Amino acid sequence: MNGFWYKLLNRISGLCGSWFFVLVSRIIAAGYFIFSRRVPISRSFYGALYPERGALYHLWCTFKQYQNFTTIHFDRFLAGQAKSATFVSEGWENLETVIGREGAILLMSHLGNWEMAATLLKQQREDLELLLYMGVKEKEGVERMQKNDLRNSGVTIIGADQQNNSPFTAIEGIRFLQKGGLVSMAGDIVWRSDQRRVRVRFLGHDAYLPESPFIFSLVSGAPLLVFFAFRTGKNSYRFTLSDPISIPSASRRDRENVIADAAQQYADLLEQSLQQHPFEWYHFDQFIFPQNS
């Protein structure tokens, strides 16, 4: 949906009530489910998650995934109506120990609502210095509005261009960490074909994660914290922060193994959380591959 139609939906829903937003967004999601070429990717993914179940169940899981995705936009609509999300937190003490000191790298994922995760962090502590690396698409509609909303809440946004790789974006992140700030990076998506990646095991298959968050941790000395925000009800969430994942300094020869170990720890946490929240998986690109692919 482009920005114009999204704004129109928000405006009409503001007049008619939230039920109108829910109805229209679910109809749109059903249309994507019927016509999107990415549906087979989700079916294959749920086939790996539930190998003991049949193809029809995997298709139902995919339909539920598409429908659940509408809640991200619905809760953003509620926020625009001055209805702040309620939440409970787990592991906040892991963050308090690094804020203003060595900083930390937040590994966010396309499991749960990462946009709400960033918003809730700022809601928990308004003076929090938070920088988000976000992918830049060629044509952005809703995504541009999403970035603007985060900027308005006090979050610093750096666009990670899928075509161009500027070293200055990395330098800015390192400087942010050196000041004791938090740098958020997606841990489960590789933006560019030439981007360095690390292989992990996930649901019994190979998956490839971006190497950059782990390199950031290695270079800066800042720990990695895995961060999830899961929906518990209408505009209500539970966010969790893992124990720190440290990447010790290593020789050039051992660096690859150290990074691989940290990446696998993240993948294991991601898989465990997926088992608990299977329909909040909003990664619609290929994520798992046959071994040796």
C-alpha atoms as a PDB file:
ATOM      1  CA  MET A   1       0.000   0.000   0.000  1.00  0.00           C
ATOM      2  CA  ASN A   2       1.431   3.392  -0.911  1.00  0.00           C
ATOM      3  CA  GLY A   3       1.451   6.379   1.377  1.00  0.00           C
ATOM      4  CA  PHE A   4      -1.612   8.080  -0.110  1.00  0.00           C
ATOM      5  CA  TRP A   5      -3.967   5.136   0.372  1.00  0.00           C
ATOM      6  CA  TYR A   6      -2.549   4.429   3.818  1.00  0.00           C
ATOM      7  CA  LYS A   7      -3.191   8.006   4.911  1.00  0.00           C
ATOM      8  CA  LEU A   8      -6.703   7.832   3.461  1.00  0.00           C
ATOM      9  CA  LEU A   9      -7.403   4.613   5.374  1.00  0.00           C
ATOM     10  CA  ASN A  10      -6.193   6.254   8.579  1.00  0.00           C
ATOM     11  CA  ARG A  11      -8.361   9.322   8.006  1.00  0.00           C
ATOM     12  CA  ILE A  12     -11.555   7.401   7.257  1.00  0.00           C
ATOM     13  CA  SER A  13     -10.923   5.044  10.173  1.00  0.00           C
ATOM     14  CA  GLY A  14     -10.495   8.043  12.454  1.00  0.00           C
ATOM     15  CA  LEU A  15     -14.016   9.105  11.481  1.00  0.00           C
ATOM     16  CA  CYS A  16     -15.706   5.691  11.366  1.00  0.00           C
ATOM     17  CA  GLY A  17     -13.858   3.920  14.153  1.00  0.00           C
ATOM     18  CA  SER A  18     -11.061   1.392  14.500  1.00  0.00           C
ATOM     19  CA  TRP A  19     -13.302  -1.435  13.226  1.00  0.00           C
ATOM     20  CA  PHE A  20     -13.053   0.051   9.725  1.00  0.00           C
ATOM     21  CA  PHE A  21      -9.238  -0.086   9.795  1.00  0.00           C
ATOM     22  CA  VAL A  22      -9.316  -3.714  10.964  1.00  0.00           C
ATOM     23  CA  LEU A  23     -11.805  -4.739   8.283  1.00  0.00           C
ATOM     24  CA  VAL A  24     -10.038  -3.069   5.362  1.00  0.00           C
ATOM     25  CA  SER A  25      -6.541  -4.120   6.427  1.00  0.00           C
ATOM     26  CA  ARG A  26      -7.614  -7.745   6.783  1.00  0.00           C
ATOM     27  CA  ILE A  27      -9.220  -7.700   3.332  1.00  0.00           C
ATOM     28  CA  ILE A  28      -5.985  -6.282   1.896  1.00  0.00           C
ATOM     29  CA  ALA A  29      -3.964  -8.964   3.684  1.00  0.00           C
ATOM     30  CA  ALA A  30      -6.247 -11.647   2.244  1.00  0.00           C
ATOM     31  CA  GLY A  31      -5.594 -10.208  -1.203  1.00  0.00           C
ATOM     32  CA  TYR A  32      -1.851 -10.421  -0.672  1.00  0.00           C
ATOM     33  CA  PHE A  33      -2.264 -13.997   0.508  1.00  0.00           C
ATOM     34  CA  ILE A  34      -4.133 -14.914  -2.684  1.00  0.00           C
ATOM     35  CA  PHE A  35      -1.958 -13.100  -5.193  1.00  0.00           C
ATOM     36  CA  SER A  36       1.508 -12.690  -3.646  1.00  0.00           C
ATOM     37  CA  ARG A  37       4.342 -14.711  -5.158  1.00  0.00           C
ATOM     38  CA  ARG A  38       5.914 -14.934  -1.697  1.00  0.00           C
ATOM     39  CA  VAL A  39       3.248 -17.232  -0.270  1.00  0.00           C
ATOM     40  CA  PRO A  40       5.227 -20.382  -1.253  1.00  0.00           C
ATOM     41  CA  ILE A  41       8.170 -19.053   0.765  1.00  0.00           C
ATOM     42  CA  SER A  42       6.028 -18.858   3.896  1.00  0.00           C
ATOM     43  CA  ARG A  43       4.488 -22.262   3.219  1.00  0.00           C
ATOM     44  CA  SER A  44       7.964 -23.763   2.973  1.00  0.00           C
ATOM     45  CA  PHE A  45       9.011 -22.002   6.165  1.00  0.00           C
ATOM     46  CA  TYR A  46       6.061 -23.359   8.146  1.00  0.00           C
ATOM     47  CA  GLY A  47       6.758 -26.744   6.610  1.00  0.00           C
ATOM     48  CA  ALA A  48      10.153 -26.633   8.321  1.00  0.00           C
ATOM     49  CA  LEU A  49       8.617 -25.391  11.564  1.00  0.00           C
ATOM     50  CA  TYR A  50       5.893 -28.069  11.570  1.00  0.00           C
ATOM     51  CA  PRO A  51       7.330 -30.968   9.530  1.00  0.00           C
ATOM     52  CA  GLU A  52       4.861 -33.403  11.090  1.00  0.00           C
ATOM     53  CA  ARG A  53       1.846 -31.477   9.752  1.00  0.00           C
ATOM     54  CA  GLY A  54       0.396 -31.488   6.222  1.00  0.00           C
ATOM     55  CA  ALA A  55       0.449 -28.960   3.408  1.00  0.00           C
ATOM     56  CA  LEU A  56      -3.014 -27.575   4.224  1.00  0.00           C
ATOM     57  CA  TYR A  57      -1.912 -26.750   7.771  1.00  0.00           C
ATOM     58  CA  HIS A  58       1.155 -24.955   6.434  1.00  0.00           C
ATOM     59  CA  LEU A  59      -1.106 -22.955   4.115  1.00  0.00           C
ATOM     60  CA  TRP A  60      -3.370 -22.059   7.050  1.00  0.00           C
ATOM     61  CA  CYS A  61      -0.304 -20.930   9.012  1.00  0.00           C
ATOM     62  CA  THR A  62       0.667 -18.683   6.111  1.00  0.00           C
ATOM     63  CA  PHE A  63      -2.833 -17.160   5.992  1.00  0.00           C
ATOM     64  CA  LYS A  64      -2.657 -16.489   9.723  1.00  0.00           C
ATOM     65  CA  GLN A  65       0.796 -14.929   9.306  1.00  0.00           C
ATOM     66  CA  TYR A  66      -0.533 -12.499   6.671  1.00  0.00           C
ATOM     67  CA  GLN A  67      -3.546 -11.627   8.808  1.00  0.00           C
ATOM     68  CA  ASN A  68      -1.449 -11.089  11.919  1.00  0.00           C
ATOM     69  CA  PHE A  69       0.778  -8.684  10.024  1.00  0.00           C
ATOM     70  CA  THR A  70      -2.122  -6.222   9.952  1.00  0.00           C
ATOM     71  CA  THR A  71      -1.820  -5.735  13.725  1.00  0.00           C
ATOM     72  CA  ILE A  72       1.449  -3.848  13.188  1.00  0.00           C
ATOM     73  CA  HIS A  73      -0.380  -1.234  11.131  1.00  0.00           C
ATOM     74  CA  PHE A  74      -3.424  -1.279  13.399  1.00  0.00           C
ATOM     75  CA  ASP A  75      -1.380  -0.498  16.505  1.00  0.00           C
ATOM     76  CA  ARG A  76       0.396   2.273  14.590  1.00  0.00           C
ATOM     77  CA  PHE A  77      -3.052   3.672  13.762  1.00  0.00           C
ATOM     78  CA  LEU A  78      -4.004   3.549  17.448  1.00  0.00           C
ATOM     79  CA  ALA A  79      -0.785   5.378  18.326  1.00  0.00           C
ATOM     80  CA  GLY A  80      -1.812   8.078  15.852  1.00  0.00           C
ATOM     81  CA  GLN A  81      -5.066   8.370  17.779  1.00  0.00           C
ATOM     82  CA  ALA A  82      -3.039   9.226  20.909  1.00  0.00           C
ATOM     83  CA  LYS A  83      -3.513   5.752  22.364  1.00  0.00           C
ATOM     84  CA  SER A  84      -0.163   4.704  23.759  1.00  0.00           C
ATOM     85  CA  ALA A  85       0.715   1.030  23.899  1.00  0.00           C
ATOM     86  CA  THR A  86       0.859  -0.703  27.246  1.00  0.00           C
ATOM     87  CA  PHE A  87       3.647  -3.151  27.942  1.00  0.00           C
ATOM     88  CA  VAL A  88       5.566  -5.245  30.406  1.00  0.00           C
ATOM     89  CA  SER A  89       9.292  -5.799  30.137  1.00  0.00           C
ATOM     90  CA  GLU A  90      11.713  -8.610  30.893  1.00  0.00           C
ATOM     91  CA  GLY A  91      15.466  -8.194  31.070  1.00  0.00           C
ATOM     92  CA  TRP A  92      15.489  -4.391  31.306  1.00  0.00           C
ATOM     93  CA  GLU A  93      18.248  -4.662  33.907  1.00  0.00           C
ATOM     94  CA  ASN A  94      20.537  -6.049  31.181  1.00  0.00           C
ATOM     95  CA  LEU A  95      20.176  -2.755  29.354  1.00  0.00           C
ATOM     96  CA  GLU A  96      20.546  -0.489  32.382  1.00  0.00           C
ATOM     97  CA  THR A  97      24.044  -1.831  33.009  1.00  0.00           C
ATOM     98  CA  VAL A  98      25.330  -0.656  29.615  1.00  0.00           C
ATOM     99  CA  ILE A  99      23.428   2.577  28.942  1.00  0.00           C
ATOM    100  CA  GLY A 100      25.845   5.488  29.097  1.00  0.00           C
ATOM    101  CA  ARG A 101      28.835   3.173  29.494  1.00  0.00           C
ATOM    102  CA  GLU A 102      30.013   0.825  26.746  1.00  0.00           C
ATOM    103  CA  GLY A 103      26.666   0.966  24.968  1.00  0.00           C
ATOM    104  CA  ALA A 104      25.100  -2.067  23.333  1.00  0.00           C
ATOM    105  CA  ILE A 105      24.019  -3.455  20.000  1.00  0.00           C
ATOM    106  CA  LEU A 106      20.358  -4.453  19.908  1.00  0.00           C
ATOM    107  CA  LEU A 107      19.668  -7.351  17.592  1.00  0.00           C
ATOM    108  CA  MET A 108      16.115  -6.890  16.418  1.00  0.00           C
ATOM    109  CA  SER A 109      14.310  -9.388  14.225  1.00  0.00           C
ATOM    110  CA  HIS A 110      11.346  -9.746  11.917  1.00  0.00           C
ATOM    111  CA  LEU A 111       9.767 -11.823  14.666  1.00  0.00           C
ATOM    112  CA  GLY A 112       7.402  -9.641  16.625  1.00  0.00           C
ATOM    113  CA  ASN A 113       7.028  -5.907  16.096  1.00  0.00           C
ATOM    114  CA  TRP A 114      10.481  -4.321  15.944  1.00  0.00           C
ATOM    115  CA  GLU A 115       8.991  -0.878  15.260  1.00  0.00           C
ATOM    116  CA  MET A 116       7.001  -1.072  18.470  1.00  0.00           C
ATOM    117  CA  ALA A 117      10.110  -2.399  20.209  1.00  0.00           C
ATOM    118  CA  ALA A 118      11.972   0.825  19.412  1.00  0.00           C
ATOM    119  CA  THR A 119       8.985   2.930  20.466  1.00  0.00           C
ATOM    120  CA  LEU A 120       8.634   1.082  23.764  1.00  0.00           C
ATOM    121  CA  LEU A 121      12.321   1.537  24.536  1.00  0.00           C
ATOM    122  CA  LYS A 122      11.907   5.295  24.221  1.00  0.00           C
ATOM    123  CA  GLN A 123       8.702   5.109  26.246  1.00  0.00           C
ATOM    124  CA  GLN A 124      10.533   3.235  28.997  1.00  0.00           C
ATOM    125  CA  ARG A 125      13.295   5.819  29.128  1.00  0.00           C
ATOM    126  CA  GLU A 126      12.851   9.099  27.263  1.00  0.00           C
ATOM    127  CA  ASP A 127      16.518  10.139  27.468  1.00  0.00           C
ATOM    128  CA  LEU A 128      17.641   6.927  25.784  1.00  0.00           C
ATOM    129  CA  GLU A 129      20.022   7.483  22.862  1.00  0.00           C
ATOM    130  CA  LEU A 130      18.903   5.034  20.196  1.00  0.00           C
ATOM    131  CA  LEU A 131      20.107   4.639  16.625  1.00  0.00           C
ATOM    132  CA  LEU A 132      18.394   2.330  14.128  1.00  0.00           C
ATOM    133  CA  TYR A 133      19.867   1.009  10.921  1.00  0.00           C
ATOM    134  CA  MET A 134      16.972   0.457   8.525  1.00  0.00           C
ATOM    135  CA  GLY A 135      16.893  -0.788   4.959  1.00  0.00           C
ATOM    136  CA  VAL A 136      16.079   1.713   2.226  1.00  0.00           C
ATOM    137  CA  LYS A 137      13.817   0.544  -0.573  1.00  0.00           C
ATOM    138  CA  GLU A 138      13.661   2.039  -4.038  1.00  0.00           C
ATOM    139  CA  LYS A 139      10.000   2.944  -3.571  1.00  0.00           C
ATOM    140  CA  GLU A 140       8.827   3.655  -0.078  1.00  0.00           C
ATOM    141  CA  GLY A 141       5.280   4.502   0.947  1.00  0.00           C
ATOM    142  CA  VAL A 142       4.256   3.286   4.370  1.00  0.00           C
ATOM    143  CA  GLU A 143       7.924   2.646   5.189  1.00  0.00           C
ATOM    144  CA  ARG A 144       8.733   6.355   4.823  1.00  0.00           C
ATOM    145  CA  MET A 145       5.931   7.249   7.223  1.00  0.00           C
ATOM    146  CA  GLN A 146       7.212   4.580   9.591  1.00  0.00           C
ATOM    147  CA  LYS A 147      10.693   6.128   9.620  1.00  0.00           C
ATOM    148  CA  ASN A 148       9.300   9.627  10.121  1.00  0.00           C
ATOM    149  CA  ASP A 149       7.237   8.481  13.108  1.00  0.00           C
ATOM    150  CA  LEU A 150      10.323   6.948  14.709  1.00  0.00           C
ATOM    151  CA  ARG A 151      12.361  10.108  14.090  1.00  0.00           C
ATOM    152  CA  ASN A 152       9.604  12.184  15.682  1.00  0.00           C
ATOM    153  CA  SER A 153       9.824   9.968  18.780  1.00  0.00           C
ATOM    154  CA  GLY A 154      13.525  10.812  19.132  1.00  0.00           C
ATOM    155  CA  VAL A 155      15.074   7.788  17.414  1.00  0.00           C
ATOM    156  CA  THR A 156      18.020   8.391  15.075  1.00  0.00           C
ATOM    157  CA  ILE A 157      17.581   6.602  11.726  1.00  0.00           C
ATOM    158  CA  ILE A 158      20.340   5.674   9.284  1.00  0.00           C
ATOM    159  CA  GLY A 159      19.239   4.207   5.984  1.00  0.00           C
ATOM    160  CA  ALA A 160      21.093   1.111   4.824  1.00  0.00           C
ATOM    161  CA  ASP A 161      20.980   1.412   1.034  1.00  0.00           C
ATOM    162  CA  GLN A 162      20.562  -1.923  -0.703  1.00  0.00           C
ATOM    163  CA  GLN A 163      22.651  -0.727  -3.643  1.00  0.00           C
ATOM    164  CA  ASN A 164      25.356   1.458  -2.136  1.00  0.00           C
ATOM    165  CA  ASN A 165      27.538   0.674   0.856  1.00  0.00           C
ATOM    166  CA  SER A 166      28.966   3.799   2.450  1.00  0.00           C
ATOM    167  CA  PRO A 167      31.625   3.362   5.160  1.00  0.00           C
ATOM    168  CA  PHE A 168      30.362   6.519   6.868  1.00  0.00           C
ATOM    169  CA  THR A 169      27.215   4.724   8.028  1.00  0.00           C
ATOM    170  CA  ALA A 170      29.387   2.254   9.962  1.00  0.00           C
ATOM    171  CA  ILE A 171      31.529   5.033  11.449  1.00  0.00           C
ATOM    172  CA  GLU A 172      28.437   6.802  12.764  1.00  0.00           C
ATOM    173  CA  GLY A 173      27.320   3.622  14.518  1.00  0.00           C
ATOM    174  CA  ILE A 174      30.710   3.114  16.165  1.00  0.00           C
ATOM    175  CA  ARG A 175      30.694   6.705  17.397  1.00  0.00           C
ATOM    176  CA  PHE A 176      27.219   6.211  18.824  1.00  0.00           C
ATOM    177  CA  LEU A 177      28.405   3.181  20.778  1.00  0.00           C
ATOM    178  CA  GLN A 178      31.468   5.004  22.055  1.00  0.00           C
ATOM    179  CA  LYS A 179      29.133   7.591  23.593  1.00  0.00           C
ATOM    180  CA  GLY A 180      27.266   4.839  25.430  1.00  0.00           C
ATOM    181  CA  GLY A 181      24.285   4.793  23.098  1.00  0.00           C
ATOM    182  CA  LEU A 182      22.333   1.882  21.695  1.00  0.00           C
ATOM    183  CA  VAL A 183      22.606   0.783  18.090  1.00  0.00           C
ATOM    184  CA  SER A 184      19.819  -1.376  16.703  1.00  0.00           C
ATOM    185  CA  MET A 185      20.454  -3.632  13.724  1.00  0.00           C
ATOM    186  CA  ALA A 186      18.360  -6.313  12.046  1.00  0.00           C
ATOM    187  CA  GLY A 187      19.939  -9.641  12.808  1.00  0.00           C
ATOM    188  CA  ASP A 188      17.916 -11.771  10.407  1.00  0.00           C
ATOM    189  CA  ILE A 189      18.067 -10.107   7.002  1.00  0.00           C
ATOM    190  CA  VAL A 190      20.872  -9.629   4.461  1.00  0.00           C
ATOM    191  CA  TRP A 191      20.210  -6.445   2.491  1.00  0.00           C
ATOM    192  CA  ARG A 192      22.712  -6.732  -0.353  1.00  0.00           C
ATOM    193  CA  SER A 193      24.078  -9.572  -2.460  1.00  0.00           C
ATOM    194  CA  ASP A 194      27.661  -8.465  -1.725  1.00  0.00           C
ATOM    195  CA  GLN A 195      27.083  -8.183   2.022  1.00  0.00           C
ATOM    196  CA  ARG A 196      29.219 -10.420   4.246  1.00  0.00           C
ATOM    197  CA  ARG A 197      27.135 -13.083   5.950  1.00  0.00           C
ATOM    198  CA  VAL A 198      27.512 -15.943   8.419  1.00  0.00           C
ATOM    199  CA  ARG A 199      25.851 -19.337   8.172  1.00  0.00           C
ATOM    200  CA  VAL A 200      23.860 -20.763  11.095  1.00  0.00           C
ATOM    201  CA  ARG A 201      21.564 -23.712  11.686  1.00  0.00           C
ATOM    202  CA  PHE A 202      17.879 -22.848  12.018  1.00  0.00           C
ATOM    203  CA  LEU A 203      14.972 -25.317  12.110  1.00  0.00           C
ATOM    204  CA  GLY A 204      17.336 -27.990  10.851  1.00  0.00           C
ATOM    205  CA  HIS A 205      18.276 -25.938   7.784  1.00  0.00           C
ATOM    206  CA  ASP A 206      20.951 -23.458   6.835  1.00  0.00           C
ATOM    207  CA  ALA A 207      20.198 -19.766   7.303  1.00  0.00           C
ATOM    208  CA  TYR A 208      22.375 -16.762   6.580  1.00  0.00           C
ATOM    209  CA  LEU A 209      22.680 -13.781   8.883  1.00  0.00           C
ATOM    210  CA  PRO A 210      24.415 -10.459   8.277  1.00  0.00           C
ATOM    211  CA  GLU A 211      27.906 -10.410   9.739  1.00  0.00           C
ATOM    212  CA  SER A 212      27.878  -6.655  10.413  1.00  0.00           C
ATOM    213  CA  PRO A 213      26.226  -6.674  13.905  1.00  0.00           C
ATOM    214  CA  PHE A 214      28.829  -9.150  15.141  1.00  0.00           C
ATOM    215  CA  ILE A 215      31.680  -7.175  13.570  1.00  0.00           C
ATOM    216  CA  PHE A 216      30.339  -4.045  15.266  1.00  0.00           C
ATOM    217  CA  SER A 217      30.430  -5.835  18.605  1.00  0.00           C
ATOM    218  CA  LEU A 218      33.926  -7.178  17.997  1.00  0.00           C
ATOM    219  CA  VAL A 219      35.349  -3.794  16.968  1.00  0.00           C
ATOM    220  CA  SER A 220      33.589  -1.662  19.583  1.00  0.00           C
ATOM    221  CA  GLY A 221      33.618  -4.101  22.503  1.00  0.00           C
ATOM    222  CA  ALA A 222      29.890  -3.450  23.023  1.00  0.00           C
ATOM    223  CA  PRO A 223      27.774  -6.500  23.941  1.00  0.00           C
ATOM    224  CA  LEU A 224      24.926  -7.813  21.821  1.00  0.00           C
ATOM    225  CA  LEU A 225      21.406  -7.936  23.278  1.00  0.00           C
ATOM    226  CA  VAL A 226      18.632  -9.809  21.487  1.00  0.00           C
ATOM    227  CA  PHE A 227      15.418  -7.795  21.670  1.00  0.00           C
ATOM    228  CA  PHE A 228      11.847  -8.919  20.931  1.00  0.00           C
ATOM    229  CA  ALA A 229       8.470  -7.214  21.299  1.00  0.00           C
ATOM    230  CA  PHE A 230       5.493  -9.592  21.149  1.00  0.00           C
ATOM    231  CA  ARG A 231       1.862  -8.577  21.032  1.00  0.00           C
ATOM    232  CA  THR A 232      -0.213  -9.764  23.993  1.00  0.00           C
ATOM    233  CA  GLY A 233      -3.457  -8.034  23.031  1.00  0.00           C
ATOM    234  CA  LYS A 234      -4.892  -4.917  21.428  1.00  0.00           C
ATOM    235  CA  ASN A 235      -2.082  -2.339  21.549  1.00  0.00           C
ATOM    236  CA  SER A 236      -0.374  -4.205  24.394  1.00  0.00           C
ATOM    237  CA  TYR A 237       3.065  -5.837  24.318  1.00  0.00           C
ATOM    238  CA  ARG A 238       5.681  -7.765  26.208  1.00  0.00           C
ATOM    239  CA  PHE A 239       9.260  -6.936  25.335  1.00  0.00           C
ATOM    240  CA  THR A 240      12.230  -9.048  26.297  1.00  0.00           C
ATOM    241  CA  LEU A 241      15.954  -8.426  26.352  1.00  0.00           C
ATOM    242  CA  SER A 242      18.312 -11.383  26.412  1.00  0.00           C
ATOM    243  CA  ASP A 243      21.431 -11.737  28.499  1.00  0.00           C
ATOM    244  CA  PRO A 244      24.407 -10.076  26.781  1.00  0.00           C
ATOM    245  CA  ILE A 245      26.190 -11.989  24.056  1.00  0.00           C
ATOM    246  CA  SER A 246      29.848 -11.021  24.237  1.00  0.00           C
ATOM    247  CA  ILE A 247      32.280 -11.452  21.375  1.00  0.00           C
ATOM    248  CA  PRO A 248      35.788 -11.651  22.856  1.00  0.00           C
ATOM    249  CA  SER A 249      38.771 -10.241  21.029  1.00  0.00           C
ATOM    250  CA  ALA A 250      40.373 -12.929  18.931  1.00  0.00           C
ATOM    251  CA  SER A 251      43.194 -13.378  16.511  1.00  0.00           C
ATOM    252  CA  ARG A 252      42.418 -12.968  12.845  1.00  0.00           C
ATOM    253  CA  ARG A 253      42.561 -16.746  12.495  1.00  0.00           C
ATOM    254  CA  ASP A 254      39.989 -17.325  15.272  1.00  0.00           C
ATOM    255  CA  ARG A 255      37.739 -14.367  14.474  1.00  0.00           C
ATOM    256  CA  GLU A 256      35.524 -16.330  12.088  1.00  0.00           C
ATOM    257  CA  ASN A 257      34.797 -18.990  14.730  1.00  0.00           C
ATOM    258  CA  VAL A 258      34.060 -16.400  17.428  1.00  0.00           C
ATOM    259  CA  ILE A 259      31.575 -14.626  15.182  1.00  0.00           C
ATOM    260  CA  ALA A 260      29.982 -17.915  14.112  1.00  0.00           C
ATOM    261  CA  ASP A 261      29.448 -18.901  17.761  1.00  0.00           C
ATOM    262  CA  ALA A 262      27.760 -15.578  18.571  1.00  0.00           C
ATOM    263  CA  ALA A 263      25.579 -15.767  15.458  1.00  0.00           C
ATOM    264  CA  GLN A 264      24.446 -19.264  16.401  1.00  0.00           C
ATOM    265  CA  GLN A 265      23.509 -18.065  19.895  1.00  0.00           C
ATOM    266  CA  TYR A 266      21.284 -15.443  18.294  1.00  0.00           C
ATOM    267  CA  ALA A 267      19.793 -17.997  15.891  1.00  0.00           C
ATOM    268  CA  ASP A 268      18.996 -20.329  18.792  1.00  0.00           C
ATOM    269  CA  LEU A 269      17.210 -17.542  20.689  1.00  0.00           C
ATOM    270  CA  LEU A 270      15.321 -16.621  17.530  1.00  0.00           C
ATOM    271  CA  GLU A 271      14.225 -20.222  17.006  1.00  0.00           C
ATOM    272  CA  GLN A 272      13.111 -20.611  20.628  1.00  0.00           C
ATOM    273  CA  SER A 273      11.020 -17.451  20.421  1.00  0.00           C
ATOM    274  CA  LEU A 274       9.577 -18.524  17.079  1.00  0.00           C
ATOM    275  CA  GLN A 275       8.319 -21.741  18.642  1.00  0.00           C
ATOM    276  CA  GLN A 276       6.394 -19.643  21.159  1.00  0.00           C
ATOM    277  CA  HIS A 277       5.127 -17.027  18.679  1.00  0.00           C
ATOM    278  CA  PRO A 278       4.918 -18.772  15.296  1.00  0.00           C
ATOM    279  CA  PHE A 279       2.458 -16.367  13.685  1.00  0.00           C
ATOM    280  CA  GLU A 280       4.413 -13.221  14.507  1.00  0.00           C
ATOM    281  CA  TRP A 281       7.059 -14.132  11.944  1.00  0.00           C
ATOM    282  CA  TYR A 282       7.014 -11.201   9.493  1.00  0.00           C
ATOM    283  CA  HIS A 283       9.997 -12.165   7.371  1.00  0.00           C
ATOM    284  CA  PHE A 284       8.516 -12.718   3.905  1.00  0.00           C
ATOM    285  CA  ASP A 285      11.777 -13.343   2.032  1.00  0.00           C
ATOM    286  CA  GLN A 286      13.677 -16.614   1.819  1.00  0.00           C
ATOM    287  CA  PHE A 287      15.348 -17.278   5.165  1.00  0.00           C
ATOM    288  CA  ILE A 288      16.140 -20.980   5.358  1.00  0.00           C
ATOM    289  CA  PHE A 289      17.848 -23.057   2.680  1.00  0.00           C
ATOM    290  CA  PRO A 290      18.675 -26.714   2.101  1.00  0.00           C
ATOM    291  CA  GLN A 291      22.050 -27.708   3.497  1.00  0.00           C
ATOM    292  CA  ASN A 292      25.052 -26.871   1.317  1.00  0.00           C
ATOM    293  CA  SER A 293      23.017 -24.468  -0.828  1.00  0.00           C
END
